[in-house]
Amino acid sequence: MPARAIRLLGLLTSAVVFGSITTVLKTLVAHVSAEGLQAALGASTVHVSLFAVVTGGVVANVLLQTSHRFFPAPVVLAALTIIDPLTAAVVGITVLGEASLTPAAVAGLALSGGLACSGVLGLSRLRRSASPQHAPTAALLPEESPSQMDRRAGFSPVRPARKRR
């Protein structure tokens, strides 16, 4: 598998883990609301769920930071924006039974999700357009102090108030 595909898989995995964490936290909050904090803290499933949330959060953050290293910010943001809630919705609908969907609604959601995913894949193929040869260099910029730049931009310096004697 090429390195780019592995990096993209890491980005997608981080978004899926974040979506899964969201679902586990929702279930935990519902459990605590129904049984109270003391009773919930005594249940072993709560401890396992909290461990899964913490572990998943660490893994997802490491994968996400790695993705920021290899992909432009719009790609990472788009992937998280699409895949995180999509994962939470799929788990909520299929595992928790939160909604009953008609075939038309499923088709519409699948079409919208596919369109959004193709947009993320299109963004992942973009390259940064600024190259070093087009970037401004220090030799082209005038030597000015910050206060000179402020005055040229029309900002007046703020003077401290005088003390009364």
N, C-alpha and C. Protein backbone atom coordinates (compact mmCIF):
# COMPACT_ATOMS: atom_id res chain seq x y z
N MET A 1 0.85 -1.18 0.00
CA MET A 1 0.00 0.00 0.00
C MET A 1 0.90 1.24 0.00
N PRO A 2 0.63 2.21 -0.88
CA PRO A 2 1.47 3.41 -0.94
C PRO A 2 1.37 4.24 0.34
N ALA A 3 2.40 5.01 0.59
CA ALA A 3 2.45 5.82 1.81
C ALA A 3 1.29 6.80 1.88
N ARG A 4 0.90 7.37 0.74
CA ARG A 4 -0.21 8.32 0.74
C ARG A 4 -1.51 7.66 1.17
N ALA A 5 -1.74 6.44 0.72
CA ALA A 5 -2.96 5.71 1.10
C ALA A 5 -2.95 5.39 2.59
N ILE A 6 -1.79 5.06 3.13
CA ILE A 6 -1.69 4.77 4.56
C ILE A 6 -1.97 6.03 5.37
N ARG A 7 -1.46 7.15 4.92
CA ARG A 7 -1.72 8.43 5.62
C ARG A 7 -3.20 8.79 5.56
N LEU A 8 -3.82 8.59 4.40
CA LEU A 8 -5.25 8.87 4.27
C LEU A 8 -6.06 7.92 5.15
N LEU A 9 -5.65 6.68 5.25
CA LEU A 9 -6.31 5.72 6.13
C LEU A 9 -6.19 6.16 7.59
N GLY A 10 -5.05 6.71 7.97
CA GLY A 10 -4.88 7.23 9.33
C GLY A 10 -5.81 8.38 9.61
N LEU A 11 -5.99 9.27 8.63
CA LEU A 11 -6.91 10.40 8.79
C LEU A 11 -8.34 9.90 8.93
N LEU A 12 -8.73 8.97 8.08
CA LEU A 12 -10.08 8.43 8.15
C LEU A 12 -10.31 7.68 9.47
N THR A 13 -9.31 6.95 9.91
CA THR A 13 -9.42 6.22 11.18
C THR A 13 -9.59 7.18 12.35
N SER A 14 -8.85 8.28 12.35
CA SER A 14 -9.00 9.24 13.45
C SER A 14 -10.41 9.81 13.49
N ALA A 15 -10.98 10.10 12.34
CA ALA A 15 -12.34 10.62 12.31
C ALA A 15 -13.36 9.58 12.78
N VAL A 16 -13.16 8.32 12.38
CA VAL A 16 -14.06 7.25 12.81
C VAL A 16 -13.96 7.05 14.32
N VAL A 17 -12.76 7.10 14.86
CA VAL A 17 -12.59 6.93 16.30
C VAL A 17 -13.25 8.08 17.05
N PHE A 18 -13.09 9.31 16.55
CA PHE A 18 -13.76 10.45 17.19
C PHE A 18 -15.29 10.27 17.16
N GLY A 19 -15.82 9.80 16.05
CA GLY A 19 -17.27 9.56 15.97
C GLY A 19 -17.71 8.47 16.92
N SER A 20 -16.90 7.45 17.08
CA SER A 20 -17.23 6.37 18.01
C SER A 20 -17.18 6.86 19.45
N ILE A 21 -16.21 7.70 19.76
CA ILE A 21 -16.11 8.27 21.11
C ILE A 21 -17.36 9.09 21.42
N THR A 22 -17.83 9.84 20.45
CA THR A 22 -19.04 10.64 20.63
C THR A 22 -20.21 9.75 21.01
N THR A 23 -20.35 8.63 20.34
CA THR A 23 -21.45 7.72 20.62
C THR A 23 -21.31 7.09 22.01
N VAL A 24 -20.10 6.70 22.37
CA VAL A 24 -19.89 6.12 23.71
C VAL A 24 -20.19 7.15 24.79
N LEU A 25 -19.76 8.39 24.60
CA LEU A 25 -20.04 9.44 25.58
C LEU A 25 -21.53 9.71 25.69
N LYS A 26 -22.24 9.69 24.58
CA LYS A 26 -23.69 9.89 24.62
C LYS A 26 -24.36 8.80 25.44
N THR A 27 -23.91 7.57 25.25
CA THR A 27 -24.46 6.45 25.99
C THR A 27 -24.12 6.56 27.48
N LEU A 28 -22.91 7.00 27.79
CA LEU A 28 -22.52 7.20 29.19
C LEU A 28 -23.37 8.27 29.87
N VAL A 29 -23.60 9.36 29.18
CA VAL A 29 -24.42 10.43 29.75
C VAL A 29 -25.84 9.94 29.99
N ALA A 30 -26.37 9.18 29.06
CA ALA A 30 -27.72 8.63 29.25
C ALA A 30 -27.75 7.68 30.44
N HIS A 31 -26.70 6.88 30.61
CA HIS A 31 -26.62 5.93 31.73
C HIS A 31 -26.56 6.68 33.07
N VAL A 32 -25.74 7.71 33.15
CA VAL A 32 -25.61 8.50 34.38
C VAL A 32 -26.91 9.24 34.66
N SER A 33 -27.56 9.76 33.63
CA SER A 33 -28.83 10.47 33.82
C SER A 33 -29.92 9.54 34.34
N ALA A 34 -29.92 8.32 33.86
CA ALA A 34 -30.97 7.38 34.26
C ALA A 34 -30.73 6.82 35.66
N GLU A 35 -29.49 6.52 36.01
CA GLU A 35 -29.22 5.82 37.26
C GLU A 35 -28.57 6.69 38.34
N GLY A 36 -28.12 7.87 38.00
CA GLY A 36 -27.43 8.71 38.97
C GLY A 36 -25.93 8.44 38.93
N LEU A 37 -25.16 9.40 39.39
CA LEU A 37 -23.71 9.32 39.29
C LEU A 37 -23.13 8.22 40.17
N GLN A 38 -23.60 8.10 41.40
CA GLN A 38 -23.05 7.08 42.31
C GLN A 38 -23.27 5.68 41.77
N ALA A 39 -24.47 5.38 41.33
CA ALA A 39 -24.77 4.05 40.80
C ALA A 39 -24.00 3.79 39.51
N ALA A 40 -23.88 4.80 38.67
CA ALA A 40 -23.16 4.63 37.41
C ALA A 40 -21.68 4.37 37.64
N LEU A 41 -21.08 5.05 38.62
CA LEU A 41 -19.66 4.84 38.89
C LEU A 41 -19.38 3.45 39.45
N GLY A 42 -20.39 2.78 40.00
CA GLY A 42 -20.21 1.43 40.50
C GLY A 42 -20.30 0.37 39.42
N ALA A 43 -20.81 0.72 38.26
CA ALA A 43 -20.97 -0.25 37.17
C ALA A 43 -19.66 -0.44 36.42
N SER A 44 -19.31 -1.68 36.14
CA SER A 44 -18.05 -1.95 35.44
C SER A 44 -18.10 -1.48 33.98
N THR A 45 -19.29 -1.45 33.39
CA THR A 45 -19.39 -0.99 32.00
C THR A 45 -19.00 0.48 31.87
N VAL A 46 -19.26 1.26 32.91
CA VAL A 46 -18.88 2.68 32.88
C VAL A 46 -17.37 2.80 32.88
N HIS A 47 -16.70 1.99 33.67
CA HIS A 47 -15.23 2.05 33.72
C HIS A 47 -14.62 1.62 32.39
N VAL A 48 -15.17 0.58 31.79
CA VAL A 48 -14.68 0.13 30.48
C VAL A 48 -14.92 1.22 29.43
N SER A 49 -16.10 1.84 29.49
CA SER A 49 -16.43 2.90 28.53
C SER A 49 -15.50 4.09 28.69
N LEU A 50 -15.24 4.49 29.92
CA LEU A 50 -14.33 5.62 30.15
C LEU A 50 -12.92 5.29 29.67
N PHE A 51 -12.47 4.06 29.90
CA PHE A 51 -11.16 3.65 29.40
C PHE A 51 -11.13 3.70 27.88
N ALA A 52 -12.22 3.24 27.25
CA ALA A 52 -12.28 3.27 25.78
C ALA A 52 -12.26 4.70 25.25
N VAL A 53 -12.94 5.61 25.94
CA VAL A 53 -12.96 7.01 25.51
C VAL A 53 -11.57 7.63 25.62
N VAL A 54 -10.90 7.40 26.75
CA VAL A 54 -9.56 7.98 26.93
C VAL A 54 -8.57 7.39 25.94
N THR A 55 -8.57 6.07 25.82
CA THR A 55 -7.64 5.42 24.89
C THR A 55 -7.93 5.83 23.45
N GLY A 56 -9.20 5.81 23.08
CA GLY A 56 -9.57 6.23 21.73
C GLY A 56 -9.22 7.68 21.45
N GLY A 57 -9.38 8.53 22.46
CA GLY A 57 -9.03 9.94 22.29
C GLY A 57 -7.55 10.14 22.04
N VAL A 58 -6.72 9.40 22.77
CA VAL A 58 -5.27 9.51 22.58
C VAL A 58 -4.88 9.02 21.19
N VAL A 59 -5.40 7.85 20.81
CA VAL A 59 -5.07 7.28 19.49
C VAL A 59 -5.55 8.21 18.37
N ALA A 60 -6.78 8.71 18.49
CA ALA A 60 -7.33 9.58 17.45
C ALA A 60 -6.54 10.88 17.35
N ASN A 61 -6.12 11.44 18.47
CA ASN A 61 -5.33 12.67 18.42
C ASN A 61 -3.96 12.46 17.80
N VAL A 62 -3.33 11.34 18.10
CA VAL A 62 -2.03 11.06 17.48
C VAL A 62 -2.20 10.92 15.96
N LEU A 63 -3.21 10.18 15.54
CA LEU A 63 -3.45 10.03 14.10
C LEU A 63 -3.80 11.37 13.45
N LEU A 64 -4.58 12.17 14.15
CA LEU A 64 -4.96 13.48 13.61
C LEU A 64 -3.76 14.39 13.46
N GLN A 65 -2.90 14.44 14.46
CA GLN A 65 -1.71 15.30 14.36
C GLN A 65 -0.78 14.82 13.25
N THR A 66 -0.69 13.51 13.08
CA THR A 66 0.10 12.98 11.97
C THR A 66 -0.50 13.39 10.64
N SER A 67 -1.82 13.38 10.56
CA SER A 67 -2.50 13.79 9.32
C SER A 67 -2.24 15.25 9.02
N HIS A 68 -2.20 16.09 10.05
CA HIS A 68 -1.90 17.51 9.84
C HIS A 68 -0.50 17.70 9.25
N ARG A 69 0.37 16.78 9.54
CA ARG A 69 1.72 16.88 9.02
C ARG A 69 1.80 16.60 7.53
N PHE A 70 0.91 15.74 7.03
CA PHE A 70 1.02 15.29 5.65
C PHE A 70 -0.05 15.85 4.71
N PHE A 71 -1.13 16.40 5.25
CA PHE A 71 -2.21 16.93 4.41
C PHE A 71 -2.44 18.39 4.73
N PRO A 72 -2.92 19.16 3.76
CA PRO A 72 -3.29 20.55 4.04
C PRO A 72 -4.45 20.61 5.04
N ALA A 73 -4.53 21.69 5.77
CA ALA A 73 -5.56 21.84 6.80
C ALA A 73 -6.99 21.67 6.25
N PRO A 74 -7.32 22.17 5.04
CA PRO A 74 -8.68 21.97 4.55
C PRO A 74 -9.05 20.49 4.38
N VAL A 75 -8.10 19.67 4.01
CA VAL A 75 -8.37 18.24 3.84
C VAL A 75 -8.68 17.60 5.19
N VAL A 76 -7.87 17.90 6.18
CA VAL A 76 -8.07 17.32 7.51
C VAL A 76 -9.39 17.79 8.09
N LEU A 77 -9.67 19.07 7.98
CA LEU A 77 -10.92 19.61 8.51
C LEU A 77 -12.12 19.02 7.79
N ALA A 78 -12.05 18.91 6.48
CA ALA A 78 -13.18 18.35 5.72
C ALA A 78 -13.41 16.89 6.10
N ALA A 79 -12.35 16.13 6.25
CA ALA A 79 -12.50 14.72 6.61
C ALA A 79 -13.14 14.58 7.99
N LEU A 80 -12.69 15.37 8.94
CA LEU A 80 -13.29 15.32 10.27
C LEU A 80 -14.74 15.79 10.26
N THR A 81 -15.00 16.84 9.52
CA THR A 81 -16.35 17.40 9.47
C THR A 81 -17.35 16.42 8.87
N ILE A 82 -16.91 15.60 7.95
CA ILE A 82 -17.81 14.66 7.29
C ILE A 82 -17.86 13.32 8.03
N ILE A 83 -16.71 12.76 8.32
CA ILE A 83 -16.67 11.38 8.78
C ILE A 83 -17.03 11.24 10.26
N ASP A 84 -16.65 12.19 11.09
CA ASP A 84 -16.97 12.11 12.51
C ASP A 84 -18.48 12.02 12.75
N PRO A 85 -19.28 12.97 12.26
CA PRO A 85 -20.72 12.85 12.50
C PRO A 85 -21.36 11.70 11.73
N LEU A 86 -20.80 11.36 10.58
CA LEU A 86 -21.33 10.23 9.82
C LEU A 86 -21.18 8.94 10.62
N THR A 87 -20.02 8.75 11.24
CA THR A 87 -19.79 7.58 12.07
C THR A 87 -20.74 7.55 13.26
N ALA A 88 -20.89 8.69 13.92
CA ALA A 88 -21.79 8.76 15.08
C ALA A 88 -23.23 8.45 14.66
N ALA A 89 -23.63 8.95 13.50
CA ALA A 89 -24.99 8.70 13.03
C ALA A 89 -25.19 7.23 12.67
N VAL A 90 -24.24 6.63 12.00
CA VAL A 90 -24.36 5.22 11.61
C VAL A 90 -24.41 4.33 12.85
N VAL A 91 -23.55 4.58 13.81
CA VAL A 91 -23.56 3.78 15.04
C VAL A 91 -24.86 4.02 15.81
N GLY A 92 -25.29 5.26 15.87
CA GLY A 92 -26.54 5.58 16.57
C GLY A 92 -27.76 4.91 15.94
N ILE A 93 -27.79 4.89 14.63
CA ILE A 93 -28.94 4.29 13.93
C ILE A 93 -28.88 2.78 13.97
N THR A 94 -27.72 2.21 13.70
CA THR A 94 -27.64 0.74 13.59
C THR A 94 -27.53 0.05 14.95
N VAL A 95 -26.71 0.57 15.85
CA VAL A 95 -26.48 -0.11 17.13
C VAL A 95 -27.48 0.33 18.19
N LEU A 96 -27.70 1.64 18.31
CA LEU A 96 -28.57 2.14 19.36
C LEU A 96 -30.03 2.25 18.94
N GLY A 97 -30.31 2.07 17.66
CA GLY A 97 -31.69 2.12 17.17
C GLY A 97 -32.36 3.47 17.37
N GLU A 98 -31.63 4.54 17.12
CA GLU A 98 -32.15 5.89 17.36
C GLU A 98 -33.15 6.36 16.32
N ALA A 99 -33.15 5.79 15.14
CA ALA A 99 -34.07 6.25 14.10
C ALA A 99 -34.43 5.08 13.19
N SER A 100 -35.61 5.14 12.65
CA SER A 100 -35.99 4.15 11.64
C SER A 100 -36.11 4.90 10.32
N LEU A 101 -35.33 4.49 9.36
CA LEU A 101 -35.26 5.21 8.09
C LEU A 101 -36.01 4.46 6.99
N THR A 102 -36.60 5.23 6.10
CA THR A 102 -37.23 4.66 4.92
C THR A 102 -36.16 4.41 3.87
N PRO A 103 -36.42 3.56 2.90
CA PRO A 103 -35.42 3.32 1.84
C PRO A 103 -35.05 4.60 1.08
N ALA A 104 -36.01 5.50 0.89
CA ALA A 104 -35.69 6.76 0.20
C ALA A 104 -34.75 7.62 1.03
N ALA A 105 -34.96 7.64 2.34
CA ALA A 105 -34.08 8.43 3.21
C ALA A 105 -32.68 7.83 3.23
N VAL A 106 -32.58 6.51 3.27
CA VAL A 106 -31.28 5.85 3.24
C VAL A 106 -30.55 6.17 1.93
N ALA A 107 -31.27 6.12 0.82
CA ALA A 107 -30.66 6.43 -0.48
C ALA A 107 -30.19 7.88 -0.52
N GLY A 108 -30.99 8.80 0.00
CA GLY A 108 -30.61 10.21 0.03
C GLY A 108 -29.39 10.45 0.90
N LEU A 109 -29.36 9.80 2.06
CA LEU A 109 -28.21 9.95 2.94
C LEU A 109 -26.95 9.35 2.32
N ALA A 110 -27.09 8.20 1.67
CA ALA A 110 -25.94 7.56 1.03
C ALA A 110 -25.41 8.42 -0.12
N LEU A 111 -26.31 9.00 -0.89
CA LEU A 111 -25.90 9.86 -2.00
C LEU A 111 -25.18 11.11 -1.48
N SER A 112 -25.75 11.73 -0.45
CA SER A 112 -25.11 12.93 0.12
C SER A 112 -23.76 12.60 0.73
N GLY A 113 -23.67 11.48 1.44
CA GLY A 113 -22.40 11.07 2.03
C GLY A 113 -21.36 10.76 0.98
N GLY A 114 -21.77 10.10 -0.10
CA GLY A 114 -20.84 9.80 -1.19
C GLY A 114 -20.33 11.06 -1.86
N LEU A 115 -21.22 12.03 -2.05
CA LEU A 115 -20.82 13.30 -2.65
C LEU A 115 -19.84 14.04 -1.75
N ALA A 116 -20.12 14.05 -0.46
CA ALA A 116 -19.22 14.72 0.48
C ALA A 116 -17.86 14.03 0.52
N CYS A 117 -17.85 12.71 0.52
CA CYS A 117 -16.58 11.97 0.54
C CYS A 117 -15.78 12.19 -0.74
N SER A 118 -16.46 12.29 -1.88
CA SER A 118 -15.73 12.56 -3.12
C SER A 118 -15.12 13.97 -3.09
N GLY A 119 -15.79 14.90 -2.42
CA GLY A 119 -15.21 16.23 -2.26
C GLY A 119 -13.96 16.22 -1.41
N VAL A 120 -13.97 15.42 -0.35
CA VAL A 120 -12.78 15.30 0.50
C VAL A 120 -11.63 14.66 -0.29
N LEU A 121 -11.95 13.63 -1.07
CA LEU A 121 -10.90 13.01 -1.88
C LEU A 121 -10.35 13.99 -2.91
N GLY A 122 -11.22 14.82 -3.47
CA GLY A 122 -10.76 15.85 -4.40
C GLY A 122 -9.86 16.86 -3.72
N LEU A 123 -10.22 17.26 -2.50
CA LEU A 123 -9.38 18.19 -1.74
C LEU A 123 -8.03 17.57 -1.40
N SER A 124 -8.02 16.26 -1.16
CA SER A 124 -6.76 15.62 -0.78
C SER A 124 -5.76 15.61 -1.92
N ARG A 125 -6.23 15.80 -3.14
CA ARG A 125 -5.31 15.82 -4.29
C ARG A 125 -4.74 17.20 -4.57
N LEU A 126 -5.25 18.22 -3.88
CA LEU A 126 -4.75 19.57 -4.08
C LEU A 126 -3.36 19.72 -3.48
N ARG A 127 -2.59 20.58 -4.06
CA ARG A 127 -1.25 20.89 -3.57
C ARG A 127 -1.22 22.37 -3.22
N ARG A 128 -0.36 22.69 -2.29
CA ARG A 128 -0.20 24.10 -1.95
C ARG A 128 0.39 24.83 -3.15
N SER A 129 -0.18 26.00 -3.47
CA SER A 129 0.25 26.70 -4.67
C SER A 129 1.43 27.64 -4.41
N ALA A 130 1.66 28.02 -3.17
CA ALA A 130 2.76 28.94 -2.88
C ALA A 130 4.07 28.18 -2.92
N SER A 131 4.95 28.62 -3.76
CA SER A 131 6.26 27.99 -3.84
C SER A 131 7.29 29.01 -3.37
N PRO A 132 8.46 28.56 -2.98
CA PRO A 132 9.48 29.50 -2.48
C PRO A 132 9.84 30.58 -3.49
N GLN A 133 9.75 30.28 -4.78
CA GLN A 133 10.13 31.31 -5.76
C GLN A 133 9.10 32.43 -5.83
N HIS A 134 7.84 32.18 -5.40
CA HIS A 134 6.82 33.22 -5.42
C HIS A 134 6.62 33.88 -4.06
N ALA A 135 7.25 33.36 -3.03
CA ALA A 135 7.10 33.93 -1.70
C ALA A 135 7.95 35.19 -1.59
N PRO A 136 7.44 36.21 -0.87
CA PRO A 136 8.24 37.43 -0.71
C PRO A 136 9.46 37.14 0.15
N THR A 137 10.53 37.77 -0.20
CA THR A 137 11.77 37.58 0.57
C THR A 137 12.04 38.82 1.38
N ALA A 138 12.92 38.68 2.35
CA ALA A 138 13.24 39.80 3.24
C ALA A 138 13.89 40.94 2.46
N ALA A 139 14.59 40.64 1.37
CA ALA A 139 15.26 41.69 0.59
C ALA A 139 14.24 42.59 -0.10
N LEU A 140 13.05 42.06 -0.39
CA LEU A 140 12.04 42.87 -1.07
C LEU A 140 11.22 43.72 -0.10
N LEU A 141 11.26 43.40 1.18
CA LEU A 141 10.47 44.13 2.16
C LEU A 141 11.29 45.27 2.73
N PRO A 142 10.65 46.42 2.97
CA PRO A 142 11.39 47.55 3.54
C PRO A 142 11.75 47.27 4.99
N GLU A 143 12.85 47.85 5.41
CA GLU A 143 13.27 47.72 6.80
C GLU A 143 12.51 48.75 7.61
N GLU A 144 11.48 48.31 8.33
CA GLU A 144 10.68 49.20 9.16
C GLU A 144 10.50 48.57 10.53
N SER A 145 10.37 49.44 11.50
CA SER A 145 10.06 48.95 12.83
C SER A 145 8.54 48.77 12.91
N PRO A 146 8.05 48.00 13.88
CA PRO A 146 6.60 47.83 14.01
C PRO A 146 5.86 49.15 14.19
N SER A 147 6.46 50.10 14.90
CA SER A 147 5.78 51.38 15.09
C SER A 147 5.71 52.17 13.78
N GLN A 148 6.73 52.06 12.93
CA GLN A 148 6.68 52.73 11.63
C GLN A 148 5.60 52.12 10.74
N MET A 149 5.47 50.80 10.78
CA MET A 149 4.42 50.15 10.00
C MET A 149 3.04 50.54 10.50
N ASP A 150 2.89 50.67 11.82
CA ASP A 150 1.60 51.09 12.39
C ASP A 150 1.24 52.49 11.93
N ARG A 151 2.22 53.41 11.96
CA ARG A 151 1.94 54.78 11.55
C ARG A 151 1.59 54.86 10.06
N ARG A 152 2.31 54.07 9.24
CA ARG A 152 2.03 54.05 7.81
C ARG A 152 0.62 53.50 7.55
N ALA A 153 0.18 52.55 8.37
CA ALA A 153 -1.13 51.96 8.20
C ALA A 153 -2.25 52.85 8.77
N GLY A 154 -1.88 53.93 9.44
CA GLY A 154 -2.88 54.85 9.95
C GLY A 154 -3.22 54.66 11.42
N PHE A 155 -2.48 53.82 12.10
CA PHE A 155 -2.72 53.61 13.52
C PHE A 155 -1.91 54.62 14.30
N SER A 156 -2.55 55.24 15.27
CA SER A 156 -1.80 56.18 16.10
C SER A 156 -1.33 55.44 17.35
N PRO A 157 -0.15 55.76 17.81
CA PRO A 157 0.36 55.07 19.00
C PRO A 157 -0.47 55.42 20.23
N VAL A 158 -0.65 54.47 21.08
CA VAL A 158 -1.38 54.71 22.33
C VAL A 158 -0.37 55.16 23.37
N ARG A 159 -0.67 56.31 23.94
CA ARG A 159 0.24 56.86 24.95
C ARG A 159 -0.36 56.60 26.32
N PRO A 160 0.48 56.23 27.27
CA PRO A 160 -0.04 55.99 28.62
C PRO A 160 -0.54 57.28 29.24
N ALA A 161 -1.54 57.15 30.08
CA ALA A 161 -2.11 58.33 30.74
C ALA A 161 -1.09 58.90 31.70
N ARG A 162 -1.09 60.24 31.81
CA ARG A 162 -0.17 60.90 32.73
C ARG A 162 -0.71 60.84 34.14
N LYS A 163 0.22 60.71 35.06
CA LYS A 163 -0.17 60.70 36.48
C LYS A 163 -0.37 62.14 36.93
N ARG A 164 -1.41 62.33 37.70
CA ARG A 164 -1.64 63.67 38.27
C ARG A 164 -0.86 63.82 39.56
N ARG A 165 -0.36 65.03 39.75
CA ARG A 165 0.41 65.28 40.96
C ARG A 165 -0.37 66.11 41.91
